């Protein structure tokens, strides 16, 4: 990936994180901010909007760090297991393990006596459904072997990025960060192959331009000799 394309990816993902966080922030905290809109308190609305956008930028940076970390791990995994199918099998097992822990460990840590398990399962399902959709669409865009890596990234990497808020167990922050991370991670994993193609085309264009420049002086020198 060229530096120009990476900067464009960074800025676009940053914007997606900010917009998503602003929208979700007002929705999940509507009872707290509704009087700002009914009373037309523009300064307070802009202040809250700015605050949510800043958090979205932060979540976007966390998402991008996780994305490039996964790309590195993915290369190591392919190198270690020497087989795409075997590495995909390992990722599938880890994905199931993380989903189980997301339900079981949170229930064991935060549930009180008599609490239902369903809300904890629901949070895992809320992560699983968009992850399946994104992984299916990624496989449709590229090839079937991309399904498991995309699913692994959307679940395992998202949970790792999400972990600091999961430890706090504050519902508004959990949903705010979750949707921001899902939006940023989905965009990055879906756009990756297109960016790689653009980078390859740019390198080929530069290489052909360089070859023309290096060949042209030779032709001129031959003409002058004759």
C-alpha atoms as a PDB file:
ATOM      1  CA  UNK A   1       0.000   0.000   0.000  1.00  0.00           C
ATOM      2  CA  UNK A   2       1.453   3.361  -1.042  1.00  0.00           C
ATOM      3  CA  UNK A   3       1.748   6.217   1.434  1.00  0.00           C
ATOM      4  CA  UNK A   4      -0.820   8.314  -0.431  1.00  0.00           C
ATOM      5  CA  UNK A   5      -3.415   5.546  -0.320  1.00  0.00           C
ATOM      6  CA  UNK A   6      -2.646   4.846   3.340  1.00  0.00           C
ATOM      7  CA  UNK A   7      -3.226   8.514   4.220  1.00  0.00           C
ATOM      8  CA  UNK A   8      -6.532   8.439   2.345  1.00  0.00           C
ATOM      9  CA  UNK A   9      -7.533   5.265   4.197  1.00  0.00           C
ATOM     10  CA  UNK A  10      -6.585   6.840   7.524  1.00  0.00           C
ATOM     11  CA  UNK A  11      -8.558  10.028   6.913  1.00  0.00           C
ATOM     12  CA  UNK A  12     -11.628   8.225   5.553  1.00  0.00           C
ATOM     13  CA  UNK A  13     -11.713   5.775   8.457  1.00  0.00           C
ATOM     14  CA  UNK A  14     -11.257   8.668  10.861  1.00  0.00           C
ATOM     15  CA  UNK A  15     -14.271  10.399   9.319  1.00  0.00           C
ATOM     16  CA  UNK A  16     -16.373   7.226   9.487  1.00  0.00           C
ATOM     17  CA  UNK A  17     -15.531   6.802  13.168  1.00  0.00           C
ATOM     18  CA  UNK A  18     -16.438  10.391  13.980  1.00  0.00           C
ATOM     19  CA  UNK A  19     -19.762  10.331  12.105  1.00  0.00           C
ATOM     20  CA  UNK A  20     -20.787   6.934  13.499  1.00  0.00           C
ATOM     21  CA  UNK A  21     -19.929   7.917  17.055  1.00  0.00           C
ATOM     22  CA  UNK A  22     -21.858  11.188  16.750  1.00  0.00           C
ATOM     23  CA  UNK A  23     -25.004   9.474  15.445  1.00  0.00           C
ATOM     24  CA  UNK A  24     -24.920   6.544  17.858  1.00  0.00           C
ATOM     25  CA  UNK A  25     -23.979   8.798  20.780  1.00  0.00           C
ATOM     26  CA  UNK A  26     -27.104  10.913  20.414  1.00  0.00           C
ATOM     27  CA  UNK A  27     -29.329   7.871  19.843  1.00  0.00           C
ATOM     28  CA  UNK A  28     -28.254   5.866  22.889  1.00  0.00           C
ATOM     29  CA  UNK A  29     -28.172   8.969  25.112  1.00  0.00           C
ATOM     30  CA  UNK A  30     -31.295  10.583  23.663  1.00  0.00           C
ATOM     31  CA  UNK A  31     -33.018  10.980  27.034  1.00  0.00           C
ATOM     32  CA  UNK A  32     -30.043  12.958  28.271  1.00  0.00           C
ATOM     33  CA  UNK A  33     -29.811  15.282  25.258  1.00  0.00           C
ATOM     34  CA  UNK A  34     -33.398  15.568  24.058  1.00  0.00           C
ATOM     35  CA  UNK A  35     -33.987  18.807  25.973  1.00  0.00           C
ATOM     36  CA  UNK A  36     -31.094  20.390  24.058  1.00  0.00           C
ATOM     37  CA  UNK A  37     -33.077  19.949  20.856  1.00  0.00           C
ATOM     38  CA  UNK A  38     -36.496  20.841  22.232  1.00  0.00           C
ATOM     39  CA  UNK A  39     -35.073  24.043  23.753  1.00  0.00           C
ATOM     40  CA  UNK A  40     -32.867  24.794  20.697  1.00  0.00           C
ATOM     41  CA  UNK A  41     -29.722  24.988  22.805  1.00  0.00           C
ATOM     42  CA  UNK A  42     -27.346  25.083  19.852  1.00  0.00           C
ATOM     43  CA  UNK A  43     -24.179  25.573  21.910  1.00  0.00           C
ATOM     44  CA  UNK A  44     -24.922  22.508  24.014  1.00  0.00           C
ATOM     45  CA  UNK A  45     -25.761  20.445  20.919  1.00  0.00           C
ATOM     46  CA  UNK A  46     -22.521  21.422  19.197  1.00  0.00           C
ATOM     47  CA  UNK A  47     -20.559  20.759  22.374  1.00  0.00           C
ATOM     48  CA  UNK A  48     -22.012  17.252  22.706  1.00  0.00           C
ATOM     49  CA  UNK A  49     -21.505  16.654  18.981  1.00  0.00           C
ATOM     50  CA  UNK A  50     -17.866  17.701  19.206  1.00  0.00           C
ATOM     51  CA  UNK A  51     -17.378  15.402  22.208  1.00  0.00           C
ATOM     52  CA  UNK A  52     -18.837  12.377  20.420  1.00  0.00           C
ATOM     53  CA  UNK A  53     -16.809  13.073  17.284  1.00  0.00           C
ATOM     54  CA  UNK A  54     -13.596  13.180  19.325  1.00  0.00           C
ATOM     55  CA  UNK A  55     -14.427   9.794  20.830  1.00  0.00           C
ATOM     56  CA  UNK A  56     -15.171   8.519  17.338  1.00  0.00           C
ATOM     57  CA  UNK A  57     -11.756   9.675  16.163  1.00  0.00           C
ATOM     58  CA  UNK A  58     -10.170   7.829  19.085  1.00  0.00           C
ATOM     59  CA  UNK A  59     -12.106   4.645  18.316  1.00  0.00           C
ATOM     60  CA  UNK A  60     -11.099   4.988  14.667  1.00  0.00           C
ATOM     61  CA  UNK A  61      -7.410   5.130  15.572  1.00  0.00           C
ATOM     62  CA  UNK A  62      -7.827   2.049  17.787  1.00  0.00           C
ATOM     63  CA  UNK A  63      -9.582   0.300  14.900  1.00  0.00           C
ATOM     64  CA  UNK A  64      -6.796   1.115  12.464  1.00  0.00           C
ATOM     65  CA  UNK A  65      -4.141  -0.086  14.883  1.00  0.00           C
ATOM     66  CA  UNK A  66      -6.016  -3.370  15.231  1.00  0.00           C
ATOM     67  CA  UNK A  67      -6.425  -3.625  11.467  1.00  0.00           C
ATOM     68  CA  UNK A  68      -2.739  -3.311  10.643  1.00  0.00           C
ATOM     69  CA  UNK A  69      -1.856  -5.568  13.580  1.00  0.00           C
ATOM     70  CA  UNK A  70      -4.177  -8.231  12.154  1.00  0.00           C
ATOM     71  CA  UNK A  71      -2.621  -7.928   8.699  1.00  0.00           C
ATOM     72  CA  UNK A  72       0.758  -8.661  10.295  1.00  0.00           C
ATOM     73  CA  UNK A  73      -0.609 -11.585  12.307  1.00  0.00           C
ATOM     74  CA  UNK A  74      -2.363 -12.937   9.204  1.00  0.00           C
ATOM     75  CA  UNK A  75       0.922 -13.006   7.295  1.00  0.00           C
ATOM     76  CA  UNK A  76       2.662 -14.739  10.188  1.00  0.00           C
ATOM     77  CA  UNK A  77      -0.160 -17.279  10.381  1.00  0.00           C
ATOM     78  CA  UNK A  78       0.090 -18.103   6.690  1.00  0.00           C
ATOM     79  CA  UNK A  79       3.855 -18.447   7.043  1.00  0.00           C
ATOM     80  CA  UNK A  80       3.650 -20.709  10.099  1.00  0.00           C
ATOM     81  CA  UNK A  81       0.864 -23.071   8.980  1.00  0.00           C
ATOM     82  CA  UNK A  82       1.899 -23.109   5.285  1.00  0.00           C
ATOM     83  CA  UNK A  83      -1.743 -23.663   4.317  1.00  0.00           C
ATOM     84  CA  UNK A  84      -4.650 -21.280   3.887  1.00  0.00           C
ATOM     85  CA  UNK A  85      -7.218 -23.911   4.888  1.00  0.00           C
ATOM     86  CA  UNK A  86      -5.303 -24.869   8.045  1.00  0.00           C
ATOM     87  CA  UNK A  87      -4.812 -21.233   9.081  1.00  0.00           C
ATOM     88  CA  UNK A  88      -8.496 -20.558   8.413  1.00  0.00           C
ATOM     89  CA  UNK A  89      -9.372 -23.518  10.632  1.00  0.00           C
ATOM     90  CA  UNK A  90      -7.301 -22.050  13.456  1.00  0.00           C
ATOM     91  CA  UNK A  91      -9.006 -18.688  13.017  1.00  0.00           C
ATOM     92  CA  UNK A  92     -12.452 -20.331  13.052  1.00  0.00           C
ATOM     93  CA  UNK A  93     -11.697 -22.090  16.354  1.00  0.00           C
ATOM     94  CA  UNK A  94     -10.369 -18.864  17.902  1.00  0.00           C
ATOM     95  CA  UNK A  95     -13.472 -17.004  16.734  1.00  0.00           C
ATOM     96  CA  UNK A  96     -15.791 -19.498  18.447  1.00  0.00           C
ATOM     97  CA  UNK A  97     -13.647 -19.373  21.581  1.00  0.00           C
ATOM     98  CA  UNK A  98     -13.808 -15.571  21.740  1.00  0.00           C
ATOM     99  CA  UNK A  99     -17.591 -15.547  21.237  1.00  0.00           C
ATOM    100  CA  UNK A 100     -18.012 -18.070  24.056  1.00  0.00           C
ATOM    101  CA  UNK A 101     -15.772 -16.051  26.366  1.00  0.00           C
ATOM    102  CA  UNK A 102     -17.592 -12.843  25.487  1.00  0.00           C
ATOM    103  CA  UNK A 103     -20.752 -14.395  26.932  1.00  0.00           C
ATOM    104  CA  UNK A 104     -19.391 -16.617  29.695  1.00  0.00           C
ATOM    105  CA  UNK A 105     -16.702 -14.403  31.215  1.00  0.00           C
ATOM    106  CA  UNK A 106     -18.872 -11.272  31.200  1.00  0.00           C
ATOM    107  CA  UNK A 107     -21.715 -13.207  32.827  1.00  0.00           C
ATOM    108  CA  UNK A 108     -19.417 -14.650  35.492  1.00  0.00           C
ATOM    109  CA  UNK A 109     -17.844 -11.242  36.145  1.00  0.00           C
ATOM    110  CA  UNK A 110     -20.808  -8.860  36.100  1.00  0.00           C
ATOM    111  CA  UNK A 111     -23.994 -10.879  36.570  1.00  0.00           C
ATOM    112  CA  UNK A 112     -25.714 -10.741  39.924  1.00  0.00           C
ATOM    113  CA  UNK A 113     -27.615 -13.566  41.522  1.00  0.00           C
ATOM    114  CA  UNK A 114     -30.717 -14.325  39.490  1.00  0.00           C
ATOM    115  CA  UNK A 115     -29.657 -12.310  36.425  1.00  0.00           C
ATOM    116  CA  UNK A 116     -30.598 -13.755  33.056  1.00  0.00           C
ATOM    117  CA  UNK A 117     -27.995 -14.937  30.607  1.00  0.00           C
ATOM    118  CA  UNK A 118     -29.921 -13.607  27.605  1.00  0.00           C
ATOM    119  CA  UNK A 119     -28.636  -9.993  27.674  1.00  0.00           C
ATOM    120  CA  UNK A 120     -25.069 -11.296  27.537  1.00  0.00           C
ATOM    121  CA  UNK A 121     -25.930 -13.622  24.665  1.00  0.00           C
ATOM    122  CA  UNK A 122     -27.691 -10.732  22.935  1.00  0.00           C
ATOM    123  CA  UNK A 123     -24.550  -8.607  22.976  1.00  0.00           C
ATOM    124  CA  UNK A 124     -22.576 -11.418  21.347  1.00  0.00           C
ATOM    125  CA  UNK A 125     -25.309 -11.851  18.726  1.00  0.00           C
ATOM    126  CA  UNK A 126     -25.227  -8.099  18.088  1.00  0.00           C
ATOM    127  CA  UNK A 127     -21.556  -8.516  17.202  1.00  0.00           C
ATOM    128  CA  UNK A 128     -21.975 -11.793  15.324  1.00  0.00           C
ATOM    129  CA  UNK A 129     -24.724 -10.778  12.885  1.00  0.00           C
ATOM    130  CA  UNK A 130     -22.947  -7.786  11.264  1.00  0.00           C
ATOM    131  CA  UNK A 131     -19.691  -9.770  11.298  1.00  0.00           C
ATOM    132  CA  UNK A 132     -21.346 -12.568   9.298  1.00  0.00           C
ATOM    133  CA  UNK A 133     -22.815 -10.079   6.837  1.00  0.00           C
ATOM    134  CA  UNK A 134     -19.480  -8.324   6.314  1.00  0.00           C
ATOM    135  CA  UNK A 135     -17.597 -11.624   5.971  1.00  0.00           C
ATOM    136  CA  UNK A 136     -20.139 -12.897   3.426  1.00  0.00           C
ATOM    137  CA  UNK A 137     -19.906  -9.699   1.401  1.00  0.00           C
ATOM    138  CA  UNK A 138     -16.097  -9.787   1.552  1.00  0.00           C
ATOM    139  CA  UNK A 139     -16.086 -13.355   0.250  1.00  0.00           C
ATOM    140  CA  UNK A 140     -18.507 -12.336  -2.508  1.00  0.00           C
ATOM    141  CA  UNK A 141     -16.214  -9.479  -3.540  1.00  0.00           C
ATOM    142  CA  UNK A 142     -13.037 -11.585  -3.534  1.00  0.00           C
ATOM    143  CA  UNK A 143     -13.154 -15.360  -2.937  1.00  0.00           C
ATOM    144  CA  UNK A 144     -14.614 -17.930  -0.530  1.00  0.00           C
ATOM    145  CA  UNK A 145     -11.354 -18.281   1.391  1.00  0.00           C
ATOM    146  CA  UNK A 146     -11.711 -14.662   2.566  1.00  0.00           C
ATOM    147  CA  UNK A 147     -14.821 -15.463   4.635  1.00  0.00           C
ATOM    148  CA  UNK A 148     -13.076 -16.866   7.736  1.00  0.00           C
ATOM    149  CA  UNK A 149     -10.324 -14.195   7.925  1.00  0.00           C
ATOM    150  CA  UNK A 150     -12.925 -11.442   7.566  1.00  0.00           C
ATOM    151  CA  UNK A 151     -15.115 -13.070  10.233  1.00  0.00           C
ATOM    152  CA  UNK A 152     -12.098 -13.492  12.517  1.00  0.00           C
ATOM    153  CA  UNK A 153     -11.176  -9.843  12.085  1.00  0.00           C
ATOM    154  CA  UNK A 154     -14.711  -8.579  12.640  1.00  0.00           C
ATOM    155  CA  UNK A 155     -15.168 -10.634  15.831  1.00  0.00           C
ATOM    156  CA  UNK A 156     -11.826 -11.395  17.471  1.00  0.00           C
ATOM    157  CA  UNK A 157     -10.018  -8.163  16.628  1.00  0.00           C
ATOM    158  CA  UNK A 158     -13.114  -6.089  17.434  1.00  0.00           C
ATOM    159  CA  UNK A 159     -13.410  -7.730  20.864  1.00  0.00           C
ATOM    160  CA  UNK A 160      -9.733  -7.059  21.575  1.00  0.00           C
ATOM    161  CA  UNK A 161     -10.179  -3.396  20.606  1.00  0.00           C
ATOM    162  CA  UNK A 162     -13.424  -3.290  22.580  1.00  0.00           C
ATOM    163  CA  UNK A 163     -11.946  -4.835  25.733  1.00  0.00           C
ATOM    164  CA  UNK A 164     -11.206  -1.632  27.753  1.00  0.00           C
ATOM    165  CA  UNK A 165     -14.888  -0.633  27.619  1.00  0.00           C
ATOM    166  CA  UNK A 166     -16.076  -4.186  28.262  1.00  0.00           C
ATOM    167  CA  UNK A 167     -14.157  -4.157  31.533  1.00  0.00           C
ATOM    168  CA  UNK A 168     -15.996  -1.017  32.646  1.00  0.00           C
ATOM    169  CA  UNK A 169     -19.370  -2.577  31.700  1.00  0.00           C
ATOM    170  CA  UNK A 170     -21.141   0.750  31.161  1.00  0.00           C
ATOM    171  CA  UNK A 171     -23.871   0.024  28.610  1.00  0.00           C
ATOM    172  CA  UNK A 172     -23.837   3.410  26.845  1.00  0.00           C
ATOM    173  CA  UNK A 173     -20.067   3.275  26.319  1.00  0.00           C
ATOM    174  CA  UNK A 174     -20.232  -0.385  25.281  1.00  0.00           C
ATOM    175  CA  UNK A 175     -22.669   0.328  22.456  1.00  0.00           C
ATOM    176  CA  UNK A 176     -20.999   3.584  21.468  1.00  0.00           C
ATOM    177  CA  UNK A 177     -17.616   1.935  20.995  1.00  0.00           C
ATOM    178  CA  UNK A 178     -19.052  -1.244  19.470  1.00  0.00           C
ATOM    179  CA  UNK A 179     -20.870   0.473  16.610  1.00  0.00           C
ATOM    180  CA  UNK A 180     -17.950   2.806  15.928  1.00  0.00           C
ATOM    181  CA  UNK A 181     -15.526  -0.116  15.784  1.00  0.00           C
ATOM    182  CA  UNK A 182     -17.856  -2.165  13.592  1.00  0.00           C
ATOM    183  CA  UNK A 183     -18.227   0.690  11.118  1.00  0.00           C
ATOM    184  CA  UNK A 184     -14.477   1.357  10.939  1.00  0.00           C
ATOM    185  CA  UNK A 185     -13.479  -2.306  10.821  1.00  0.00           C
ATOM    186  CA  UNK A 186     -16.099  -3.124   8.184  1.00  0.00           C
ATOM    187  CA  UNK A 187     -14.936  -0.290   5.956  1.00  0.00           C
ATOM    188  CA  UNK A 188     -11.276  -1.282   6.231  1.00  0.00           C
ATOM    189  CA  UNK A 189     -11.751  -4.979   5.558  1.00  0.00           C
ATOM    190  CA  UNK A 190     -14.084  -4.334   2.608  1.00  0.00           C
ATOM    191  CA  UNK A 191     -11.888  -1.689   0.968  1.00  0.00           C
ATOM    192  CA  UNK A 192      -8.560  -3.490   1.461  1.00  0.00           C
ATOM    193  CA  UNK A 193      -8.449  -5.451  -1.804  1.00  0.00           C
ATOM    194  CA  UNK A 194      -9.441  -2.361  -3.805  1.00  0.00           C
ATOM    195  CA  UNK A 195      -6.672  -0.322  -2.201  1.00  0.00           C
ATOM    196  CA  UNK A 196      -4.151  -3.071  -2.903  1.00  0.00           C
ATOM    197  CA  UNK A 197      -5.178  -3.072  -6.563  1.00  0.00           C
ATOM    198  CA  UNK A 198      -4.826   0.714  -6.747  1.00  0.00           C
ATOM    199  CA  UNK A 199      -1.394   0.530  -5.103  1.00  0.00           C
ATOM    200  CA  UNK A 200      -0.272  -2.120  -7.585  1.00  0.00           C
ATOM    201  CA  UNK A 201      -1.511  -0.061 -10.519  1.00  0.00           C
ATOM    202  CA  UNK A 202       0.320   3.017  -9.223  1.00  0.00           C
ATOM    203  CA  UNK A 203       3.557   1.044  -8.824  1.00  0.00           C
ATOM    204  CA  UNK A 204       3.247  -0.347 -12.332  1.00  0.00           C
ATOM    205  CA  UNK A 205       2.562   3.127 -13.709  1.00  0.00           C
ATOM    206  CA  UNK A 206       5.602   4.549 -11.924  1.00  0.00           C
ATOM    207  CA  UNK A 207       7.741   1.641 -13.078  1.00  0.00           C
ATOM    208  CA  UNK A 208       6.712   2.111 -16.697  1.00  0.00           C
ATOM    209  CA  UNK A 209       7.380   5.846 -16.450  1.00  0.00           C
ATOM    210  CA  UNK A 210      10.808   5.154 -14.991  1.00  0.00           C
ATOM    211  CA  UNK A 211      11.584   2.689 -17.781  1.00  0.00           C
ATOM    212  CA  UNK A 212      10.632   5.255 -20.427  1.00  0.00           C
ATOM    213  CA  UNK A 213      12.872   7.874 -18.836  1.00  0.00           C
ATOM    214  CA  UNK A 214      15.844   5.502 -18.633  1.00  0.00           C
ATOM    215  CA  UNK A 215      15.403   4.290 -22.219  1.00  0.00           C
ATOM    216  CA  UNK A 216      14.965   7.688 -23.888  1.00  0.00           C
ATOM    217  CA  UNK A 217      18.572   8.966 -23.340  1.00  0.00           C
ATOM    218  CA  UNK A 218      19.952   5.807 -24.982  1.00  0.00           C
ATOM    219  CA  UNK A 219      17.906   6.422 -28.126  1.00  0.00           C
ATOM    220  CA  UNK A 220      19.079  10.037 -28.280  1.00  0.00           C
ATOM    221  CA  UNK A 221      22.715   9.057 -27.858  1.00  0.00           C
ATOM    222  CA  UNK A 222      22.499   6.557 -30.752  1.00  0.00           C
ATOM    223  CA  UNK A 223      21.070   9.193 -33.058  1.00  0.00           C
ATOM    224  CA  UNK A 224      23.846  11.633 -32.230  1.00  0.00           C
ATOM    225  CA  UNK A 225      26.500   9.008 -33.006  1.00  0.00           C
ATOM    226  CA  UNK A 226      25.051   8.370 -36.461  1.00  0.00           C
END
